[in-house]
């Protein structure tokens, strides 16, 4: 993610758009439970990267519709790859027992907070 200067919420926005659960900036903000201004900021960065495109809703010119581009569909995989590389780099200094303990604690925290554990 660092290679693209993206934060987890950027990837979350890409995931929302990819799922088709929401398209307008306001609907995305409601779904992500964040301020609409944050979605605007996230979309600005993703638009700079060519990952999303903004269009006015033809039925309501006040609404901005966000759509993924081909680059936007590929970006989450690139972020996952970067995250895996960072994980490996951080874990290389730990012994096998320490790495397993850390993984177990992180799985527990993820489960308790409703995040995917894997």
PDB file of N, CA and C in Angstrom:
ATOM      1  N   UNK A   1       0.817  -1.185   0.000  1.00  0.00           N
ATOM      2  CA  UNK A   1       0.000   0.000   0.000  1.00  0.00           C
ATOM      3  C   UNK A   1       0.863   1.251   0.000  1.00  0.00           C
ATOM      4  N   UNK A   2       2.008   1.178   0.686  1.00  0.00           N
ATOM      5  CA  UNK A   2       2.875   2.343   0.766  1.00  0.00           C
ATOM      6  C   UNK A   2       3.374   2.767  -0.602  1.00  0.00           C
ATOM      7  N   UNK A   3       3.551   1.827  -1.507  1.00  0.00           N
ATOM      8  CA  UNK A   3       4.044   2.168  -2.839  1.00  0.00           C
ATOM      9  C   UNK A   3       3.084   3.103  -3.564  1.00  0.00           C
ATOM     10  N   UNK A   4       1.825   3.037  -3.216  1.00  0.00           N
ATOM     11  CA  UNK A   4       0.819   3.887  -3.848  1.00  0.00           C
ATOM     12  C   UNK A   4       0.348   4.986  -2.906  1.00  0.00           C
ATOM     13  N   UNK A   5       0.961   5.055  -1.718  1.00  0.00           N
ATOM     14  CA  UNK A   5       0.572   6.013  -0.686  1.00  0.00           C
ATOM     15  C   UNK A   5      -0.902   5.854  -0.337  1.00  0.00           C
ATOM     16  N   UNK A   6      -1.329   4.611  -0.181  1.00  0.00           N
ATOM     17  CA  UNK A   6      -2.714   4.320   0.157  1.00  0.00           C
ATOM     18  C   UNK A   6      -2.826   3.869   1.603  1.00  0.00           C
ATOM     19  N   UNK A   7      -3.959   4.152   2.175  1.00  0.00           N
ATOM     20  CA  UNK A   7      -4.293   3.719   3.526  1.00  0.00           C
ATOM     21  C   UNK A   7      -5.363   2.632   3.427  1.00  0.00           C
ATOM     22  N   UNK A   8      -5.596   1.899   4.507  1.00  0.00           N
ATOM     23  CA  UNK A   8      -6.636   0.868   4.473  1.00  0.00           C
ATOM     24  C   UNK A   8      -8.006   1.379   4.024  1.00  0.00           C
ATOM     25  N   UNK A   9      -8.348   2.610   4.363  1.00  0.00           N
ATOM     26  CA  UNK A   9      -9.661   3.132   3.941  1.00  0.00           C
ATOM     27  C   UNK A   9      -9.737   3.311   2.425  1.00  0.00           C
ATOM     28  N   UNK A  10      -8.611   3.578   1.766  1.00  0.00           N
ATOM     29  CA  UNK A  10      -8.607   3.636   0.302  1.00  0.00           C
ATOM     30  C   UNK A  10      -9.002   2.273  -0.262  1.00  0.00           C
ATOM     31  N   UNK A  11      -8.385   1.233   0.299  1.00  0.00           N
ATOM     32  CA  UNK A  11      -8.672  -0.124  -0.161  1.00  0.00           C
ATOM     33  C   UNK A  11     -10.119  -0.483   0.167  1.00  0.00           C
ATOM     34  N   UNK A  12     -10.603  -0.016   1.318  1.00  0.00           N
ATOM     35  CA  UNK A  12     -12.002  -0.231   1.674  1.00  0.00           C
ATOM     36  C   UNK A  12     -12.944   0.396   0.665  1.00  0.00           C
ATOM     37  N   UNK A  13     -12.612   1.600   0.216  1.00  0.00           N
ATOM     38  CA  UNK A  13     -13.430   2.259  -0.798  1.00  0.00           C
ATOM     39  C   UNK A  13     -13.416   1.462  -2.099  1.00  0.00           C
ATOM     40  N   UNK A  14     -12.257   0.980  -2.490  1.00  0.00           N
ATOM     41  CA  UNK A  14     -12.174   0.149  -3.701  1.00  0.00           C
ATOM     42  C   UNK A  14     -13.040  -1.099  -3.553  1.00  0.00           C
ATOM     43  N   UNK A  15     -13.007  -1.708  -2.362  1.00  0.00           N
ATOM     44  CA  UNK A  15     -13.797  -2.920  -2.132  1.00  0.00           C
ATOM     45  C   UNK A  15     -15.295  -2.626  -2.205  1.00  0.00           C
ATOM     46  N   UNK A  16     -15.711  -1.503  -1.649  1.00  0.00           N
ATOM     47  CA  UNK A  16     -17.131  -1.121  -1.704  1.00  0.00           C
ATOM     48  C   UNK A  16     -17.563  -0.940  -3.154  1.00  0.00           C
ATOM     49  N   UNK A  17     -16.750  -0.233  -3.922  1.00  0.00           N
ATOM     50  CA  UNK A  17     -17.102   0.001  -5.320  1.00  0.00           C
ATOM     51  C   UNK A  17     -17.102  -1.308  -6.109  1.00  0.00           C
ATOM     52  N   UNK A  18     -16.138  -2.165  -5.827  1.00  0.00           N
ATOM     53  CA  UNK A  18     -16.063  -3.436  -6.542  1.00  0.00           C
ATOM     54  C   UNK A  18     -17.255  -4.329  -6.221  1.00  0.00           C
ATOM     55  N   UNK A  19     -17.774  -4.229  -5.002  1.00  0.00           N
ATOM     56  CA  UNK A  19     -18.908  -5.067  -4.597  1.00  0.00           C
ATOM     57  C   UNK A  19     -20.218  -4.613  -5.240  1.00  0.00           C
ATOM     58  N   UNK A  20     -20.252  -3.354  -5.679  1.00  0.00           N
ATOM     59  CA  UNK A  20     -21.487  -2.818  -6.247  1.00  0.00           C
ATOM     60  C   UNK A  20     -22.505  -2.419  -5.193  1.00  0.00           C
ATOM     61  N   UNK A  21     -22.106  -2.433  -3.915  1.00  0.00           N
ATOM     62  CA  UNK A  21     -23.032  -2.124  -2.828  1.00  0.00           C
ATOM     63  C   UNK A  21     -23.418  -0.644  -2.791  1.00  0.00           C
ATOM     64  N   UNK A  22     -22.576   0.206  -3.342  1.00  0.00           N
ATOM     65  CA  UNK A  22     -22.849   1.645  -3.371  1.00  0.00           C
ATOM     66  C   UNK A  22     -22.034   2.259  -4.492  1.00  0.00           C
ATOM     67  N   UNK A  23     -22.531   3.366  -5.015  1.00  0.00           N
ATOM     68  CA  UNK A  23     -21.807   4.032  -6.092  1.00  0.00           C
ATOM     69  C   UNK A  23     -21.657   5.531  -5.843  1.00  0.00           C
ATOM     70  N   UNK A  24     -22.685   6.171  -5.301  1.00  0.00           N
ATOM     71  CA  UNK A  24     -22.556   7.613  -5.089  1.00  0.00           C
ATOM     72  C   UNK A  24     -21.654   7.854  -3.887  1.00  0.00           C
ATOM     73  N   UNK A  25     -20.993   8.990  -3.887  1.00  0.00           N
ATOM     74  CA  UNK A  25     -20.097   9.319  -2.782  1.00  0.00           C
ATOM     75  C   UNK A  25     -20.843   9.301  -1.456  1.00  0.00           C
ATOM     76  N   UNK A  26     -22.070   9.803  -1.441  1.00  0.00           N
ATOM     77  CA  UNK A  26     -22.851   9.839  -0.210  1.00  0.00           C
ATOM     78  C   UNK A  26     -23.239   8.429   0.236  1.00  0.00           C
ATOM     79  N   UNK A  27     -23.652   7.581  -0.687  1.00  0.00           N
ATOM     80  CA  UNK A  27     -24.003   6.205  -0.334  1.00  0.00           C
ATOM     81  C   UNK A  27     -22.783   5.435   0.167  1.00  0.00           C
ATOM     82  N   UNK A  28     -21.635   5.680  -0.451  1.00  0.00           N
ATOM     83  CA  UNK A  28     -20.399   5.037   0.001  1.00  0.00           C
ATOM     84  C   UNK A  28     -20.076   5.479   1.425  1.00  0.00           C
ATOM     85  N   UNK A  29     -20.212   6.772   1.701  1.00  0.00           N
ATOM     86  CA  UNK A  29     -19.939   7.290   3.049  1.00  0.00           C
ATOM     87  C   UNK A  29     -20.851   6.625   4.072  1.00  0.00           C
ATOM     88  N   UNK A  30     -22.125   6.493   3.739  1.00  0.00           N
ATOM     89  CA  UNK A  30     -23.062   5.833   4.667  1.00  0.00           C
ATOM     90  C   UNK A  30     -22.675   4.379   4.894  1.00  0.00           C
ATOM     91  N   UNK A  31     -22.347   3.685   3.826  1.00  0.00           N
ATOM     92  CA  UNK A  31     -21.997   2.266   3.931  1.00  0.00           C
ATOM     93  C   UNK A  31     -20.709   2.065   4.734  1.00  0.00           C
ATOM     94  N   UNK A  32     -19.720   2.917   4.503  1.00  0.00           N
ATOM     95  CA  UNK A  32     -18.449   2.815   5.218  1.00  0.00           C
ATOM     96  C   UNK A  32     -18.517   3.429   6.616  1.00  0.00           C
ATOM     97  N   UNK A  33     -19.630   4.122   6.915  1.00  0.00           N
ATOM     98  CA  UNK A  33     -19.820   4.795   8.194  1.00  0.00           C
ATOM     99  C   UNK A  33     -18.716   5.818   8.456  1.00  0.00           C
ATOM    100  N   UNK A  34     -18.484   6.648   7.431  1.00  0.00           N
ATOM    101  CA  UNK A  34     -17.496   7.723   7.531  1.00  0.00           C
ATOM    102  C   UNK A  34     -18.131   9.013   7.027  1.00  0.00           C
ATOM    103  N   UNK A  35     -17.481  10.112   7.286  1.00  0.00           N
ATOM    104  CA  UNK A  35     -17.969  11.413   6.818  1.00  0.00           C
ATOM    105  C   UNK A  35     -17.864  11.487   5.293  1.00  0.00           C
ATOM    106  N   UNK A  36     -18.856  12.095   4.650  1.00  0.00           N
ATOM    107  CA  UNK A  36     -18.784  12.254   3.190  1.00  0.00           C
ATOM    108  C   UNK A  36     -17.508  12.959   2.740  1.00  0.00           C
ATOM    109  N   UNK A  37     -17.009  13.886   3.538  1.00  0.00           N
ATOM    110  CA  UNK A  37     -15.779  14.593   3.163  1.00  0.00           C
ATOM    111  C   UNK A  37     -14.594  13.634   3.094  1.00  0.00           C
ATOM    112  N   UNK A  38     -14.598  12.584   3.922  1.00  0.00           N
ATOM    113  CA  UNK A  38     -13.522  11.599   3.861  1.00  0.00           C
ATOM    114  C   UNK A  38     -13.590  10.819   2.556  1.00  0.00           C
ATOM    115  N   UNK A  39     -14.789  10.462   2.127  1.00  0.00           N
ATOM    116  CA  UNK A  39     -14.934   9.745   0.856  1.00  0.00           C
ATOM    117  C   UNK A  39     -14.431  10.617  -0.285  1.00  0.00           C
ATOM    118  N   UNK A  40     -14.724  11.904  -0.239  1.00  0.00           N
ATOM    119  CA  UNK A  40     -14.234  12.823  -1.270  1.00  0.00           C
ATOM    120  C   UNK A  40     -12.709  12.804  -1.296  1.00  0.00           C
ATOM    121  N   UNK A  41     -12.090  12.878  -0.120  1.00  0.00           N
ATOM    122  CA  UNK A  41     -10.630  12.874  -0.030  1.00  0.00           C
ATOM    123  C   UNK A  41     -10.042  11.551  -0.529  1.00  0.00           C
ATOM    124  N   UNK A  42     -10.639  10.441  -0.118  1.00  0.00           N
ATOM    125  CA  UNK A  42     -10.170   9.131  -0.578  1.00  0.00           C
ATOM    126  C   UNK A  42     -10.315   9.002  -2.084  1.00  0.00           C
ATOM    127  N   UNK A  43     -11.463   9.428  -2.589  1.00  0.00           N
ATOM    128  CA  UNK A  43     -11.713   9.343  -4.031  1.00  0.00           C
ATOM    129  C   UNK A  43     -10.769  10.248  -4.815  1.00  0.00           C
ATOM    130  N   UNK A  44     -10.418  11.401  -4.244  1.00  0.00           N
ATOM    131  CA  UNK A  44      -9.463  12.294  -4.907  1.00  0.00           C
ATOM    132  C   UNK A  44      -8.151  11.560  -5.178  1.00  0.00           C
ATOM    133  N   UNK A  45      -7.645  10.884  -4.148  1.00  0.00           N
ATOM    134  CA  UNK A  45      -6.366  10.166  -4.296  1.00  0.00           C
ATOM    135  C   UNK A  45      -6.494   9.016  -5.288  1.00  0.00           C
ATOM    136  N   UNK A  46      -7.578   8.274  -5.201  1.00  0.00           N
ATOM    137  CA  UNK A  46      -7.778   7.151  -6.117  1.00  0.00           C
ATOM    138  C   UNK A  46      -7.989   7.627  -7.550  1.00  0.00           C
ATOM    139  N   UNK A  47      -8.593   8.776  -7.695  1.00  0.00           N
ATOM    140  CA  UNK A  47      -8.769   9.350  -9.039  1.00  0.00           C
ATOM    141  C   UNK A  47      -7.409   9.765  -9.612  1.00  0.00           C
ATOM    142  N   UNK A  48      -6.537  10.326  -8.772  1.00  0.00           N
ATOM    143  CA  UNK A  48      -5.184  10.684  -9.213  1.00  0.00           C
ATOM    144  C   UNK A  48      -4.432   9.464  -9.739  1.00  0.00           C
ATOM    145  N   UNK A  49      -4.671   8.318  -9.107  1.00  0.00           N
ATOM    146  CA  UNK A  49      -4.005   7.074  -9.512  1.00  0.00           C
ATOM    147  C   UNK A  49      -4.673   6.425 -10.718  1.00  0.00           C
ATOM    148  N   UNK A  50      -5.795   6.974 -11.140  1.00  0.00           N
ATOM    149  CA  UNK A  50      -6.528   6.381 -12.257  1.00  0.00           C
ATOM    150  C   UNK A  50      -7.328   5.159 -11.852  1.00  0.00           C
ATOM    151  N   UNK A  51      -7.578   5.006 -10.550  1.00  0.00           N
ATOM    152  CA  UNK A  51      -8.284   3.833 -10.041  1.00  0.00           C
ATOM    153  C   UNK A  51      -9.799   4.005 -10.031  1.00  0.00           C
ATOM    154  N   UNK A  52     -10.258   5.242  -9.903  1.00  0.00           N
ATOM    155  CA  UNK A  52     -11.694   5.521  -9.941  1.00  0.00           C
ATOM    156  C   UNK A  52     -11.957   6.687 -10.882  1.00  0.00           C
ATOM    157  N   UNK A  53     -13.190   6.722 -11.312  1.00  0.00           N
ATOM    158  CA  UNK A  53     -13.645   7.814 -12.177  1.00  0.00           C
ATOM    159  C   UNK A  53     -14.911   8.385 -11.545  1.00  0.00           C
ATOM    160  N   UNK A  54     -15.012   9.709 -11.541  1.00  0.00           N
ATOM    161  CA  UNK A  54     -16.217  10.385 -11.039  1.00  0.00           C
ATOM    162  C   UNK A  54     -17.059  10.825 -12.227  1.00  0.00           C
ATOM    163  N   UNK A  55     -18.347  10.649 -12.063  1.00  0.00           N
ATOM    164  CA  UNK A  55     -19.285  11.121 -13.084  1.00  0.00           C
ATOM    165  C   UNK A  55     -20.507  11.685 -12.378  1.00  0.00           C
ATOM    166  N   UNK A  56     -21.092  12.694 -12.968  1.00  0.00           N
ATOM    167  CA  UNK A  56     -22.341  13.226 -12.433  1.00  0.00           C
ATOM    168  C   UNK A  56     -23.452  12.228 -12.726  1.00  0.00           C
ATOM    169  N   UNK A  57     -24.310  12.036 -11.750  1.00  0.00           N
ATOM    170  CA  UNK A  57     -25.474  11.179 -11.939  1.00  0.00           C
ATOM    171  C   UNK A  57     -26.419  11.901 -12.895  1.00  0.00           C
ATOM    172  N   UNK A  58     -26.742  11.295 -14.045  1.00  0.00           N
ATOM    173  CA  UNK A  58     -27.607  11.980 -15.011  1.00  0.00           C
ATOM    174  C   UNK A  58     -29.009  12.268 -14.472  1.00  0.00           C
ATOM    175  N   UNK A  59     -29.459  11.485 -13.498  1.00  0.00           N
ATOM    176  CA  UNK A  59     -30.799  11.721 -12.950  1.00  0.00           C
ATOM    177  C   UNK A  59     -30.794  12.707 -11.781  1.00  0.00           C
ATOM    178  N   UNK A  60     -29.625  12.984 -11.221  1.00  0.00           N
ATOM    179  CA  UNK A  60     -29.502  13.955 -10.133  1.00  0.00           C
ATOM    180  C   UNK A  60     -28.108  14.561 -10.216  1.00  0.00           C
ATOM    181  N   UNK A  61     -27.994  15.697 -10.848  1.00  0.00           N
ATOM    182  CA  UNK A  61     -26.697  16.322 -11.128  1.00  0.00           C
ATOM    183  C   UNK A  61     -25.926  16.689  -9.864  1.00  0.00           C
ATOM    184  N   UNK A  62     -26.574  16.656  -8.705  1.00  0.00           N
ATOM    185  CA  UNK A  62     -25.862  16.950  -7.456  1.00  0.00           C
ATOM    186  C   UNK A  62     -25.025  15.764  -6.990  1.00  0.00           C
ATOM    187  N   UNK A  63     -25.357  14.578  -7.457  1.00  0.00           N
ATOM    188  CA  UNK A  63     -24.679  13.356  -7.011  1.00  0.00           C
ATOM    189  C   UNK A  63     -23.475  13.033  -7.883  1.00  0.00           C
ATOM    190  N   UNK A  64     -22.404  12.623  -7.221  1.00  0.00           N
ATOM    191  CA  UNK A  64     -21.212  12.140  -7.911  1.00  0.00           C
ATOM    192  C   UNK A  64     -21.223  10.612  -7.823  1.00  0.00           C
ATOM    193  N   UNK A  65     -21.115   9.963  -8.954  1.00  0.00           N
ATOM    194  CA  UNK A  65     -21.052   8.505  -9.002  1.00  0.00           C
ATOM    195  C   UNK A  65     -19.588   8.103  -9.179  1.00  0.00           C
ATOM    196  N   UNK A  66     -19.138   7.157  -8.366  1.00  0.00           N
ATOM    197  CA  UNK A  66     -17.778   6.643  -8.451  1.00  0.00           C
ATOM    198  C   UNK A  66     -17.812   5.286  -9.139  1.00  0.00           C
ATOM    199  N   UNK A  67     -16.938   5.105 -10.097  1.00  0.00           N
ATOM    200  CA  UNK A  67     -16.809   3.800 -10.752  1.00  0.00           C
ATOM    201  C   UNK A  67     -15.343   3.403 -10.777  1.00  0.00           C
ATOM    202  N   UNK A  68     -15.134   2.099 -10.688  1.00  0.00           N
ATOM    203  CA  UNK A  68     -13.769   1.579 -10.763  1.00  0.00           C
ATOM    204  C   UNK A  68     -13.302   1.536 -12.206  1.00  0.00           C
ATOM    205  N   UNK A  69     -12.036   1.806 -12.397  1.00  0.00           N
ATOM    206  CA  UNK A  69     -11.405   1.618 -13.699  1.00  0.00           C
ATOM    207  C   UNK A  69     -10.714   0.247 -13.664  1.00  0.00           C
ATOM    208  N   UNK A  70     -10.133  -0.143 -14.774  1.00  0.00           N
ATOM    209  CA  UNK A  70      -9.377  -1.401 -14.804  1.00  0.00           C
ATOM    210  C   UNK A  70      -8.237  -1.349 -13.789  1.00  0.00           C
ATOM    211  N   UNK A  71      -7.581  -0.205 -13.692  1.00  0.00           N
ATOM    212  CA  UNK A  71      -6.502  -0.044 -12.709  1.00  0.00           C
ATOM    213  C   UNK A  71      -7.046  -0.203 -11.294  1.00  0.00           C
ATOM    214  N   UNK A  72      -8.240   0.320 -11.061  1.00  0.00           N
ATOM    215  CA  UNK A  72      -8.861   0.221  -9.745  1.00  0.00           C
ATOM    216  C   UNK A  72      -9.198  -1.208  -9.368  1.00  0.00           C
ATOM    217  N   UNK A  73      -9.525  -2.016 -10.358  1.00  0.00           N
ATOM    218  CA  UNK A  73      -9.820  -3.431 -10.079  1.00  0.00           C
ATOM    219  C   UNK A  73      -8.533  -4.200  -9.747  1.00  0.00           C
ATOM    220  N   UNK A  74      -7.408  -3.762 -10.305  1.00  0.00           N
ATOM    221  CA  UNK A  74      -6.127  -4.439 -10.059  1.00  0.00           C
ATOM    222  C   UNK A  74      -5.420  -3.948  -8.798  1.00  0.00           C
ATOM    223  N   UNK A  75      -5.733  -2.747  -8.360  1.00  0.00           N
ATOM    224  CA  UNK A  75      -5.017  -2.135  -7.241  1.00  0.00           C
ATOM    225  C   UNK A  75      -5.117  -2.919  -5.932  1.00  0.00           C
ATOM    226  N   UNK A  76      -6.274  -3.473  -5.544  1.00  0.00           N
ATOM    227  CA  UNK A  76      -6.307  -4.239  -4.291  1.00  0.00           C
ATOM    228  C   UNK A  76      -5.325  -5.417  -4.285  1.00  0.00           C
ATOM    229  N   UNK A  77      -5.167  -6.092  -5.401  1.00  0.00           N
ATOM    230  CA  UNK A  77      -4.211  -7.206  -5.462  1.00  0.00           C
ATOM    231  C   UNK A  77      -2.786  -6.690  -5.242  1.00  0.00           C
ATOM    232  N   UNK A  78      -2.465  -5.547  -5.825  1.00  0.00           N
ATOM    233  CA  UNK A  78      -1.135  -4.965  -5.627  1.00  0.00           C
ATOM    234  C   UNK A  78      -0.931  -4.571  -4.163  1.00  0.00           C
ATOM    235  N   UNK A  79      -1.975  -4.049  -3.535  1.00  0.00           N
ATOM    236  CA  UNK A  79      -1.887  -3.679  -2.114  1.00  0.00           C
ATOM    237  C   UNK A  79      -1.714  -4.922  -1.248  1.00  0.00           C
ATOM    238  N   UNK A  80      -2.428  -5.988  -1.582  1.00  0.00           N
ATOM    239  CA  UNK A  80      -2.298  -7.243  -0.831  1.00  0.00           C
ATOM    240  C   UNK A  80      -0.886  -7.785  -0.942  1.00  0.00           C
ATOM    241  N   UNK A  81      -0.322  -7.710  -2.136  1.00  0.00           N
ATOM    242  CA  UNK A  81       1.052  -8.168  -2.342  1.00  0.00           C
ATOM    243  C   UNK A  81       2.036  -7.338  -1.516  1.00  0.00           C
ATOM    244  N   UNK A  82       1.857  -6.026  -1.519  1.00  0.00           N
ATOM    245  CA  UNK A  82       2.731  -5.150  -0.724  1.00  0.00           C
ATOM    246  C   UNK A  82       2.606  -5.455   0.762  1.00  0.00           C
ATOM    247  N   UNK A  83       1.375  -5.687   1.222  1.00  0.00           N
ATOM    248  CA  UNK A  83       1.148  -5.993   2.636  1.00  0.00           C
ATOM    249  C   UNK A  83       1.808  -7.323   3.005  1.00  0.00           C
ATOM    250  N   UNK A  84       1.721  -8.314   2.130  1.00  0.00           N
ATOM    251  CA  UNK A  84       2.348  -9.616   2.394  1.00  0.00           C
ATOM    252  C   UNK A  84       3.866  -9.471   2.487  1.00  0.00           C
ATOM    253  N   UNK A  85       4.441  -8.649   1.621  1.00  0.00           N
ATOM    254  CA  UNK A  85       5.886  -8.414   1.666  1.00  0.00           C
ATOM    255  C   UNK A  85       6.283  -7.734   2.977  1.00  0.00           C
ATOM    256  N   UNK A  86       5.482  -6.774   3.396  1.00  0.00           N
ATOM    257  CA  UNK A  86       5.763  -6.082   4.660  1.00  0.00           C
ATOM    258  C   UNK A  86       5.628  -7.044   5.836  1.00  0.00           C
ATOM    259  N   UNK A  87       4.590  -7.879   5.812  1.00  0.00           N
ATOM    260  CA  UNK A  87       4.423  -8.886   6.874  1.00  0.00           C
ATOM    261  C   UNK A  87       5.649  -9.780   6.962  1.00  0.00           C
ATOM    262  N   UNK A  88       6.112 -10.264   5.822  1.00  0.00           N
ATOM    263  CA  UNK A  88       7.281 -11.158   5.795  1.00  0.00           C
ATOM    264  C   UNK A  88       8.509 -10.440   6.355  1.00  0.00           C
ATOM    265  N   UNK A  89       8.668  -9.185   5.986  1.00  0.00           N
ATOM    266  CA  UNK A  89       9.817  -8.405   6.472  1.00  0.00           C
ATOM    267  C   UNK A  89       9.760  -8.237   7.991  1.00  0.00           C
ATOM    268  N   UNK A  90       8.568  -7.962   8.515  1.00  0.00           N
ATOM    269  CA  UNK A  90       8.421  -7.778   9.961  1.00  0.00           C
ATOM    270  C   UNK A  90       8.612  -9.088  10.724  1.00  0.00           C
ATOM    271  N   UNK A  91       8.162 -10.185  10.131  1.00  0.00           N
ATOM    272  CA  UNK A  91       8.250 -11.478  10.810  1.00  0.00           C
ATOM    273  C   UNK A  91       9.617 -12.133  10.724  1.00  0.00           C
ATOM    274  N   UNK A  92      10.456 -11.700   9.798  1.00  0.00           N
ATOM    275  CA  UNK A  92      11.743 -12.378   9.611  1.00  0.00           C
ATOM    276  C   UNK A  92      12.648 -12.274  10.836  1.00  0.00           C
ATOM    277  N   UNK A  93      12.435 -11.278  11.665  1.00  0.00           N
ATOM    278  CA  UNK A  93      13.253 -11.112  12.876  1.00  0.00           C
ATOM    279  C   UNK A  93      12.727 -11.939  14.044  1.00  0.00           C
ATOM    280  N   UNK A  94      11.530 -12.529  13.885  1.00  0.00           N
ATOM    281  CA  UNK A  94      10.949 -13.321  14.967  1.00  0.00           C
ATOM    282  C   UNK A  94      11.256 -14.798  14.771  1.00  0.00           C
ATOM    283  N   UNK A  95      11.364 -15.489  15.876  1.00  0.00           N
ATOM    284  CA  UNK A  95      11.498 -16.934  15.808  1.00  0.00           C
ATOM    285  C   UNK A  95      10.142 -17.553  15.498  1.00  0.00           C
ATOM    286  N   UNK A  96      10.108 -18.835  15.156  1.00  0.00           N
ATOM    287  CA  UNK A  96       8.843 -19.491  14.810  1.00  0.00           C
ATOM    288  C   UNK A  96       7.790 -19.406  15.916  1.00  0.00           C
ATOM    289  N   UNK A  97       8.199 -19.585  17.169  1.00  0.00           N
ATOM    290  CA  UNK A  97       7.237 -19.513  18.276  1.00  0.00           C
ATOM    291  C   UNK A  97       6.683 -18.098  18.433  1.00  0.00           C
ATOM    292  N   UNK A  98       7.562 -17.105  18.310  1.00  0.00           N
ATOM    293  CA  UNK A  98       7.116 -15.714  18.421  1.00  0.00           C
ATOM    294  C   UNK A  98       6.168 -15.353  17.281  1.00  0.00           C
ATOM    295  N   UNK A  99       6.491 -15.795  16.086  1.00  0.00           N
ATOM    296  CA  UNK A  99       5.644 -15.508  14.930  1.00  0.00           C
ATOM    297  C   UNK A  99       4.270 -16.142  15.095  1.00  0.00           C
ATOM    298  N   UNK A 100       4.213 -17.370  15.611  1.00  0.00           N
ATOM    299  CA  UNK A 100       2.927 -18.035  15.818  1.00  0.00           C
ATOM    300  C   UNK A 100       2.127 -17.342  16.915  1.00  0.00           C
ATOM    301  N   UNK A 101       2.798 -16.915  17.984  1.00  0.00           N
ATOM    302  CA  UNK A 101       2.109 -16.190  19.055  1.00  0.00           C
ATOM    303  C   UNK A 101       1.522 -14.886  18.526  1.00  0.00           C
ATOM    304  N   UNK A 102       2.309 -14.159  17.777  1.00  0.00           N
ATOM    305  CA  UNK A 102       1.819 -12.910  17.194  1.00  0.00           C
ATOM    306  C   UNK A 102       0.621 -13.176  16.289  1.00  0.00           C
ATOM    307  N   UNK A 103       0.708 -14.172  15.442  1.00  0.00           N
ATOM    308  CA  UNK A 103      -0.401 -14.506  14.540  1.00  0.00           C
ATOM    309  C   UNK A 103      -1.659 -14.870  15.321  1.00  0.00           C
ATOM    310  N   UNK A 104      -1.494 -15.629  16.388  1.00  0.00           N
ATOM    311  CA  UNK A 104      -2.647 -16.028  17.202  1.00  0.00           C
ATOM    312  C   UNK A 104      -3.303 -14.811  17.850  1.00  0.00           C
ATOM    313  N   UNK A 105      -2.490 -13.910  18.386  1.00  0.00           N
ATOM    314  CA  UNK A 105      -3.034 -12.694  19.013  1.00  0.00           C
ATOM    315  C   UNK A 105      -3.762 -11.844  17.976  1.00  0.00           C
ATOM    316  N   UNK A 106      -3.174 -11.676  16.814  1.00  0.00           N
ATOM    317  CA  UNK A 106      -3.809 -10.870  15.767  1.00  0.00           C
ATOM    318  C   UNK A 106      -5.120 -11.497  15.287  1.00  0.00           C
ATOM    319  N   UNK A 107      -5.150 -12.837  15.167  1.00  0.00           N
ATOM    320  CA  UNK A 107      -6.401 -13.516  14.788  1.00  0.00           C
ATOM    321  C   UNK A 107      -7.481 -13.270  15.835  1.00  0.00           C
ATOM    322  N   UNK A 108      -7.101 -13.356  17.096  1.00  0.00           N
ATOM    323  CA  UNK A 108      -8.053 -13.120  18.183  1.00  0.00           C
ATOM    324  C   UNK A 108      -8.605 -11.703  18.120  1.00  0.00           C
ATOM    325  N   UNK A 109      -7.726 -10.724  17.947  1.00  0.00           N
ATOM    326  CA  UNK A 109      -8.169  -9.331  17.857  1.00  0.00           C
ATOM    327  C   UNK A 109      -9.076  -9.118  16.652  1.00  0.00           C
ATOM    328  N   UNK A 110      -8.720  -9.708  15.525  1.00  0.00           N
ATOM    329  CA  UNK A 110      -9.546  -9.571  14.317  1.00  0.00           C
ATOM    330  C   UNK A 110     -10.925 -10.159  14.552  1.00  0.00           C
ATOM    331  N   UNK A 111     -10.986 -11.337  15.141  1.00  0.00           N
ATOM    332  CA  UNK A 111     -12.264 -11.992  15.397  1.00  0.00           C
ATOM    333  C   UNK A 111     -13.125 -11.157  16.341  1.00  0.00           C
ATOM    334  N   UNK A 112     -12.517 -10.638  17.367  1.00  0.00           N
ATOM    335  CA  UNK A 112     -13.257  -9.830  18.355  1.00  0.00           C
ATOM    336  C   UNK A 112     -13.802  -8.533  17.775  1.00  0.00           C
ATOM    337  N   UNK A 113     -13.132  -8.012  16.768  1.00  0.00           N
ATOM    338  CA  UNK A 113     -13.573  -6.747  16.170  1.00  0.00           C
ATOM    339  C   UNK A 113     -14.350  -6.940  14.877  1.00  0.00           C
ATOM    340  N   UNK A 114     -14.606  -8.197  14.521  1.00  0.00           N
ATOM    341  CA  UNK A 114     -15.410  -8.463  13.330  1.00  0.00           C
ATOM    342  C   UNK A 114     -14.649  -8.390  12.028  1.00  0.00           C
ATOM    343  N   UNK A 115     -13.327  -8.393  12.091  1.00  0.00           N
ATOM    344  CA  UNK A 115     -12.513  -8.352  10.879  1.00  0.00           C
ATOM    345  C   UNK A 115     -12.207  -9.776  10.421  1.00  0.00           C
ATOM    346  N   UNK A 116     -11.876  -9.951   9.146  1.00  0.00           N
ATOM    347  CA  UNK A 116     -11.469 -11.290   8.703  1.00  0.00           C
ATOM    348  C   UNK A 116     -10.221 -11.727   9.455  1.00  0.00           C
ATOM    349  N   UNK A 117     -10.188 -12.966   9.877  1.00  0.00           N
ATOM    350  CA  UNK A 117      -9.066 -13.467  10.691  1.00  0.00           C
ATOM    351  C   UNK A 117      -7.935 -14.020   9.848  1.00  0.00           C
ATOM    352  N   UNK A 118      -8.103 -14.129   8.576  1.00  0.00           N
ATOM    353  CA  UNK A 118      -7.025 -14.666   7.737  1.00  0.00           C
ATOM    354  C   UNK A 118      -6.522 -13.652   6.743  1.00  0.00           C
TER     355      UNK A 118
END
